[in-house]
Protein backbone atom coordinates (compact mmCIF):
# COMPACT_ATOMS: atom_id res chain seq x y z
CA MET A 1 27.83 0.28 2.47
CA PHE A 2 27.27 3.87 1.28
CA ASN A 3 26.41 4.99 4.83
CA GLY A 4 23.61 2.43 5.10
CA LYS A 5 21.93 3.43 1.84
CA TRP A 6 22.86 0.16 0.11
CA PHE A 7 20.71 -1.77 2.57
CA SER A 8 17.69 0.37 1.70
CA PHE A 9 18.40 -0.25 -1.99
CA GLU A 10 18.43 -4.02 -1.37
CA VAL A 11 15.09 -3.82 0.41
CA PHE A 12 13.73 -1.78 -2.50
CA VAL A 13 14.81 -4.48 -4.96
CA PHE A 14 13.20 -7.20 -2.85
CA GLY A 15 10.00 -5.16 -2.88
CA LEU A 16 10.05 -4.95 -6.67
CA ILE A 17 10.55 -8.70 -6.99
CA PHE A 18 8.14 -9.98 -4.35
CA ILE A 19 5.48 -7.24 -4.29
CA ALA A 20 5.41 -5.34 -7.60
CA ILE A 21 5.87 -8.38 -9.86
CA PRO A 22 3.16 -10.53 -8.17
CA TYR A 23 0.74 -7.59 -8.19
CA PHE A 24 1.19 -6.52 -11.81
CA GLY A 25 1.56 -10.13 -12.91
CA SER A 26 -1.78 -11.14 -11.40
CA ASN A 27 -3.32 -7.90 -12.67
CA ASN A 28 -2.44 -8.74 -16.27
CA ILE A 29 -3.36 -12.43 -15.89
CA ALA A 30 -6.83 -11.39 -14.73
CA ASN A 31 -7.12 -8.80 -17.49
CA PHE A 32 -6.18 -11.15 -20.33
CA TYR A 33 -7.20 -14.62 -19.17
CA LEU A 34 -9.77 -14.57 -16.34
CA ASP A 35 -13.48 -13.82 -16.11
CA ASP A 36 -15.14 -11.65 -13.52
CA ALA A 37 -16.24 -14.02 -10.75
CA PHE A 38 -18.95 -11.54 -9.70
CA ALA A 39 -20.35 -10.67 -13.13
CA VAL A 40 -23.61 -12.46 -12.30
CA PHE A 41 -24.36 -10.03 -9.45
CA PRO A 42 -25.98 -6.64 -10.13
CA GLU A 43 -23.72 -3.62 -9.74
CA ASN A 44 -24.16 -1.78 -6.46
CA SER A 45 -25.96 1.47 -7.23
CA TYR A 46 -24.20 3.16 -4.31
CA ASP A 47 -20.80 2.72 -5.96
CA ARG A 48 -22.14 4.38 -9.09
CA SER A 49 -23.60 7.24 -7.05
CA VAL A 50 -20.20 8.21 -5.61
CA PRO A 51 -19.14 11.26 -7.66
CA VAL A 52 -15.91 11.43 -9.61
CA ILE A 53 -13.60 14.01 -8.04
CA ASN A 54 -10.74 14.64 -10.43
CA TRP A 55 -8.22 16.10 -7.99
CA MET A 56 -8.52 13.01 -5.76
CA ILE A 57 -6.22 11.22 -8.21
CA ILE A 58 -3.41 13.12 -6.44
CA PRO A 59 -3.86 11.48 -3.00
CA TYR A 60 -4.56 8.21 -4.83
CA ALA A 61 -1.23 8.37 -6.67
CA ALA A 62 0.53 9.57 -3.51
CA LEU A 63 0.57 5.96 -2.31
CA TYR A 64 3.77 5.63 -4.31
CA LEU A 65 5.40 8.18 -1.98
CA PHE A 66 4.80 5.90 1.01
CA TYR A 67 7.43 3.42 -0.19
CA PRO A 68 10.43 5.77 -0.44
CA ALA A 69 9.32 7.52 2.76
CA THR A 70 9.48 4.17 4.55
CA LEU A 71 13.00 3.51 3.30
CA ILE A 72 14.17 7.05 4.14
CA LEU A 73 12.72 7.12 7.68
CA ALA A 74 13.87 3.63 8.71
CA PRO A 75 16.52 4.13 11.41
CA ARG A 76 20.02 3.42 10.11
CA ASN A 77 21.03 1.10 12.94
CA ASP A 78 20.65 -2.63 13.59
CA LYS A 79 17.29 -2.20 15.32
CA GLY A 80 15.96 -0.15 12.42
CA ARG A 81 17.26 -2.64 9.88
CA LEU A 82 15.59 -5.54 11.69
CA GLU A 83 12.33 -3.59 11.81
CA LEU A 84 12.60 -2.76 8.11
CA ILE A 85 13.35 -6.38 7.16
CA SER A 86 10.41 -7.68 9.18
CA ALA A 87 8.11 -4.95 7.84
CA MET A 88 9.06 -5.93 4.29
CA GLN A 89 8.35 -9.59 5.09
CA MET A 90 4.94 -8.62 6.43
CA LEU A 91 4.19 -6.56 3.33
CA ILE A 92 5.28 -9.39 1.02
CA LEU A 93 3.15 -11.96 2.83
CA VAL A 94 0.03 -9.82 2.92
CA THR A 95 0.50 -8.98 -0.77
CA LEU A 96 0.74 -12.64 -1.71
CA PHE A 97 -2.33 -13.31 0.43
CA CYS A 98 -4.29 -10.72 -1.54
CA VAL A 99 -2.94 -12.01 -4.86
CA ILE A 100 -4.55 -15.38 -4.08
CA PHE A 101 -7.93 -13.61 -3.95
CA PHE A 102 -7.15 -11.67 -7.13
CA LEU A 103 -6.60 -14.92 -9.03
CA LEU A 104 -9.23 -17.16 -7.41
CA PHE A 105 -12.00 -14.53 -7.24
CA PRO A 106 -11.17 -11.99 -9.96
CA ALA A 107 -13.30 -8.86 -9.91
CA GLU A 108 -13.35 -6.16 -12.57
CA VAL A 109 -14.01 -2.57 -11.52
CA ASP A 110 -16.07 -1.46 -14.48
CA MET A 111 -16.73 2.20 -13.66
CA ARG A 112 -14.11 4.14 -15.61
CA ASP A 113 -16.77 5.20 -18.09
CA ALA A 114 -18.05 7.66 -15.42
CA ILE A 115 -14.89 9.77 -15.73
CA ASP A 116 -15.22 13.07 -17.60
CA TRP A 117 -11.82 13.54 -19.25
CA GLY A 118 -12.74 16.95 -20.61
CA SER A 119 -13.11 18.41 -17.11
CA MET A 120 -9.55 17.60 -16.01
CA ASN A 121 -6.51 19.83 -15.84
CA ALA A 122 -3.14 18.71 -17.21
CA VAL A 123 -1.85 17.19 -13.96
CA GLU A 124 -5.04 15.22 -13.37
CA THR A 125 -5.04 13.93 -16.94
CA ILE A 126 -1.41 12.78 -16.70
CA LEU A 127 -2.03 10.95 -13.42
CA PHE A 128 -5.24 9.29 -14.60
CA GLU A 129 -3.57 8.19 -17.84
CA PHE A 130 -0.60 6.80 -15.91
CA ILE A 131 -2.83 4.84 -13.52
CA HIS A 132 -5.04 3.49 -16.30
CA SER A 133 -2.13 2.45 -18.50
CA SER A 134 -0.16 0.73 -15.74
CA ASP A 135 -2.98 -0.72 -13.62
CA LYS A 136 -5.81 -2.59 -15.33
CA PRO A 137 -9.27 -2.47 -13.66
CA TRP A 138 -8.78 -5.78 -11.83
CA ASN A 139 -7.16 -6.83 -8.52
CA ALA A 140 -10.15 -5.21 -6.85
CA TRP A 141 -10.43 -6.77 -3.42
CA PRO A 142 -8.96 -6.60 -0.88
CA SER A 143 -7.67 -3.23 -2.07
CA LEU A 144 -3.88 -3.27 -1.87
CA HIS A 145 -3.96 0.52 -2.01
CA ILE A 146 -5.58 0.36 1.42
CA VAL A 147 -3.56 -2.56 2.75
CA HIS A 148 -0.17 -1.14 1.81
CA SER A 149 -0.91 2.47 2.76
CA TYR A 150 -2.23 1.48 6.20
CA CYS A 151 0.67 -0.83 7.04
CA LEU A 152 3.27 1.65 5.78
CA ALA A 153 1.62 4.55 7.60
CA ARG A 154 1.69 2.52 10.82
CA ILE A 155 5.40 1.61 10.56
CA ILE A 156 6.28 5.20 9.62
CA THR A 157 4.30 6.42 12.64
CA TYR A 158 6.11 3.91 14.86
CA TRP A 159 9.52 5.18 13.72
CA LEU A 160 8.57 8.83 13.98
CA LYS A 161 7.33 8.44 17.55
CA ASN A 162 10.28 6.32 18.67
CA ASN A 163 13.16 7.86 16.74
CA TYR A 164 12.19 11.38 15.69
CA SER A 165 10.00 12.52 18.58
CA GLU A 166 12.25 15.50 19.40
CA ARG A 167 12.24 16.87 15.86
CA LYS A 168 10.05 19.94 15.35
CA TRP A 169 8.57 18.62 12.12
CA THR A 170 7.51 15.20 13.45
CA ASN A 171 3.99 16.09 14.59
CA TYR A 172 3.29 18.04 11.40
CA PHE A 173 4.52 15.12 9.33
CA LEU A 174 2.25 12.72 11.23
CA ILE A 175 -0.78 14.98 10.71
CA ILE A 176 -0.07 15.23 6.98
CA LEU A 177 0.57 11.48 6.76
CA TRP A 178 -2.78 10.48 8.27
CA ILE A 179 -4.75 13.17 6.44
CA GLU A 180 -3.26 11.79 3.24
CA TRP A 181 -4.22 8.26 4.29
CA VAL A 182 -7.86 9.28 4.89
CA LEU A 183 -7.95 11.08 1.54
CA LEU A 184 -6.41 8.03 -0.12
CA CYS A 185 -9.17 5.82 1.32
CA ILE A 186 -11.79 8.14 -0.15
CA SER A 187 -9.90 8.51 -3.42
CA ILE A 188 -10.11 4.85 -4.40
CA LEU A 189 -13.88 5.45 -4.68
CA THR A 190 -13.93 8.92 -6.20
CA THR A 191 -11.45 7.97 -8.94
CA LYS A 192 -13.56 4.90 -9.80
CA GLN A 193 -10.66 2.57 -9.11
CA HIS A 194 -12.51 0.48 -6.51
CA TYR A 195 -15.86 -0.45 -5.07
CA MET A 196 -16.83 0.20 -1.45
CA PHE A 197 -16.43 -3.51 -0.67
CA ASP A 198 -12.79 -3.31 -1.79
CA LEU A 199 -12.20 -0.51 0.72
CA PHE A 200 -13.68 -2.37 3.70
CA SER A 201 -12.11 -5.73 2.84
CA GLY A 202 -8.76 -3.94 2.45
CA LEU A 203 -9.15 -2.34 5.86
CA VAL A 204 -9.91 -5.70 7.47
CA VAL A 205 -6.85 -7.35 5.91
CA ALA A 206 -4.62 -4.37 6.75
CA ILE A 207 -5.63 -4.24 10.41
CA ILE A 208 -5.23 -8.00 10.84
CA ALA A 209 -1.81 -7.89 9.14
CA TRP A 210 -0.65 -5.11 11.44
CA GLU A 211 -1.91 -6.87 14.56
CA ILE A 212 0.00 -10.01 13.53
CA TYR A 213 3.12 -7.91 12.92
CA LYS A 214 3.05 -5.87 16.15
CA PRO A 215 4.50 -8.66 18.34
CA VAL A 216 7.55 -8.75 16.06
CA LEU A 217 8.21 -5.07 16.72
CA LYS A 218 7.72 -5.67 20.44
CA MET A 219 10.11 -8.63 20.39
CA ILE A 220 12.83 -6.61 18.63
CA SER A 221 12.36 -3.76 21.11
CA GLU A 222 12.36 -5.93 24.24
CA LYS A 223 15.14 -8.35 23.31
CA GLY A 224 17.34 -5.77 21.63
CA SER A 225 18.84 -5.98 18.18
CA SER A 226 22.03 -7.75 19.32
CA LYS A 227 20.08 -10.62 20.91
CA VAL A 228 17.77 -11.02 17.91
CA ILE A 229 20.72 -10.98 15.50
CA GLU A 230 22.46 -13.62 17.63
CA GLU A 231 19.37 -15.85 17.69
CA LEU A 232 19.01 -15.53 13.91
CA GLY A 233 22.63 -16.48 13.42
CA TRP A 234 23.38 -13.30 11.48
CA GLU A 235 26.58 -12.44 13.34
């Protein structure tokens, strides 16, 4: 329907229901009803020593561009649709896995007081205010900013190399994509949204999730979309 765009819209809706709602739901539950499970431990002085870099809120907020980019770059054929479905399943499962930690071991990131609002320009102020109003300082570890960005960057890279390799812009896009990902990893610290432990635990979860998912991509590629669709009974 609509030249394949309706399928992408359906995937987007599933993402809202099974990723966005669990994340923001657990975020508000922790904020209003739970206590910091790590409040008894002294704050790591290293996390406090990381400077606030105002402009880093831009690569931090750019995570939200990864989602539409994934939907846009997914190949509009049966193989691409199978890969997109399975990627969404992987993202849902790893999100729910992290939500379990958010609720069982809630951790508050109490460092927003280090931000100097008077030193920001208009764009930085708008982005910081948006992040602070929509995302309470909980759901710290494993950092879903890291988990989602890594997994999405990997699937985007897979599609670019396998479906857009002859396009002139592909290599430039890949360079920009991974530079943005590195900046995003740094930004969760320099915007005082996360502790260093959140970054490393997010990386561990993200890499494990991708390694579990890779055989699915290989299976779709080796068997072919028609065979997989037949085995799933989707014909």
